[in-house]
Amino acid sequence: MITVVVNFDLPPGTTLADATARFQDSSQKYLGAPGLLRKFYLYNEENMVGGGAYVFGTRAEADALLNADWVASITERYGSPPRLTYFESPVVVDNVAGEIIS
């Protein structure tokens, strides 16, 4: 599995409520996205940073979704280009399902 952590600067003064509304507005486009297993939206008020943690089956699936058009849409939506960091995720502890995935 591949985890991609995405960060972008939020417009000054963005509250948790503001960020939540924006995140909820975009969430439907990720539901059922090919290769995307999970997405966690991220908000950090102290540093005015938003983002997401995306979990994919493969790097190719990540690259297919998080492409140049996606980067442009995030930049337009938040006024800041996203910073992407890719991680191999060889072991995942899922306490909800009660399993370890490797």
Protein backbone atom coordinates (compact mmCIF):
# COMPACT_ATOMS: atom_id res chain seq x y z
CA MET A 1 0.00 0.00 0.00
CA ILE A 2 0.96 3.62 -0.55
CA THR A 3 0.11 6.49 1.77
CA VAL A 4 0.34 10.00 0.38
CA VAL A 5 0.38 12.88 2.84
CA VAL A 6 -0.72 16.12 1.21
CA ASN A 7 -0.31 19.52 2.83
CA PHE A 8 -1.22 23.00 1.61
CA ASP A 9 -1.36 26.41 3.23
CA LEU A 10 -4.84 27.56 4.13
CA PRO A 11 -6.05 31.11 3.63
CA PRO A 12 -5.42 33.17 6.79
CA GLY A 13 -8.23 32.95 9.30
CA THR A 14 -9.62 29.63 8.06
CA THR A 15 -11.49 28.07 10.98
CA LEU A 16 -12.15 24.40 11.58
CA ALA A 17 -15.76 25.02 10.57
CA ASP A 18 -14.61 26.67 7.32
CA ALA A 19 -12.22 23.83 6.54
CA THR A 20 -14.82 21.19 7.40
CA ALA A 21 -17.34 22.79 5.03
CA ARG A 22 -14.77 22.83 2.20
CA PHE A 23 -13.73 19.25 2.94
CA GLN A 24 -17.33 18.02 3.01
CA ASP A 25 -17.96 19.81 -0.28
CA SER A 26 -15.11 17.92 -1.98
CA SER A 27 -15.58 14.56 -0.26
CA GLN A 28 -18.11 13.13 -2.72
CA LYS A 29 -15.61 13.23 -5.59
CA TYR A 30 -13.36 10.82 -3.69
CA LEU A 31 -16.08 8.32 -2.85
CA GLY A 32 -15.50 5.34 -5.14
CA ALA A 33 -12.33 6.82 -6.70
CA PRO A 34 -10.36 4.00 -8.37
CA GLY A 35 -7.57 2.68 -6.15
CA LEU A 36 -8.33 5.00 -3.21
CA LEU A 37 -8.85 2.90 -0.09
CA ARG A 38 -9.20 5.72 2.44
CA LYS A 39 -8.83 9.46 2.71
CA PHE A 40 -8.41 11.43 5.91
CA TYR A 41 -8.83 15.21 5.75
CA LEU A 42 -6.32 17.18 7.84
CA TYR A 43 -6.53 20.60 9.50
CA ASN A 44 -3.91 22.33 11.63
CA GLU A 45 -5.06 25.66 13.02
CA GLU A 46 -1.71 26.56 14.62
CA ASN A 47 0.15 26.49 11.30
CA MET A 48 -2.86 27.21 9.01
CA VAL A 49 -2.20 24.02 7.08
CA GLY A 50 -4.76 21.71 5.57
CA GLY A 51 -4.44 18.53 3.61
CA GLY A 52 -5.16 14.87 3.48
CA ALA A 53 -3.73 11.44 4.05
CA TYR A 54 -4.63 9.17 1.14
CA VAL A 55 -4.20 5.40 1.20
CA PHE A 56 -3.92 3.60 -2.14
CA GLY A 57 -3.23 0.04 -3.19
CA THR A 58 -0.39 1.06 -5.52
CA ARG A 59 1.73 4.03 -6.50
CA ALA A 60 0.22 3.93 -10.01
CA GLU A 61 -3.26 4.36 -8.50
CA ALA A 62 -2.01 7.31 -6.43
CA ASP A 63 -0.43 8.93 -9.47
CA ALA A 64 -3.59 8.45 -11.53
CA LEU A 65 -5.74 10.36 -9.01
CA LEU A 66 -3.24 12.93 -7.74
CA ASN A 67 -2.30 14.13 -11.22
CA ALA A 68 -1.54 17.59 -12.67
CA ASP A 69 -5.25 18.45 -13.01
CA TRP A 70 -5.79 17.53 -9.35
CA VAL A 71 -2.80 19.68 -8.28
CA ALA A 72 -4.24 22.62 -10.25
CA SER A 73 -7.68 22.17 -8.65
CA ILE A 74 -6.24 22.12 -5.12
CA THR A 75 -4.12 25.19 -5.88
CA GLU A 76 -7.17 27.05 -7.17
CA ARG A 77 -9.42 25.93 -4.31
CA TYR A 78 -7.04 26.85 -1.47
CA GLY A 79 -4.73 29.41 -3.08
CA SER A 80 -1.65 27.33 -2.37
CA PRO A 81 -0.06 24.42 -4.25
CA PRO A 82 -0.14 21.07 -2.45
CA ARG A 83 3.02 19.39 -1.15
CA LEU A 84 2.91 15.61 -1.59
CA THR A 85 4.97 13.07 0.34
CA TYR A 86 4.73 9.39 -0.64
CA PHE A 87 5.24 6.55 1.84
CA GLU A 88 5.26 2.79 1.45
CA SER A 89 2.84 1.39 4.05
CA PRO A 90 3.97 -2.21 4.57
CA VAL A 91 2.01 -2.76 7.80
CA VAL A 92 -1.30 -1.22 8.85
CA VAL A 93 -3.00 -1.68 12.23
CA ASP A 94 -6.78 -1.38 11.84
CA ASN A 95 -8.38 -1.30 15.27
CA VAL A 96 -11.86 -0.75 13.83
CA ALA A 97 -11.70 -4.01 11.86
CA GLY A 98 -9.51 -5.63 14.50
CA GLU A 99 -6.80 -6.67 12.08
CA ILE A 100 -3.23 -6.12 11.02
CA ILE A 101 -2.74 -5.78 7.26
CA SER A 102 0.62 -6.45 5.68
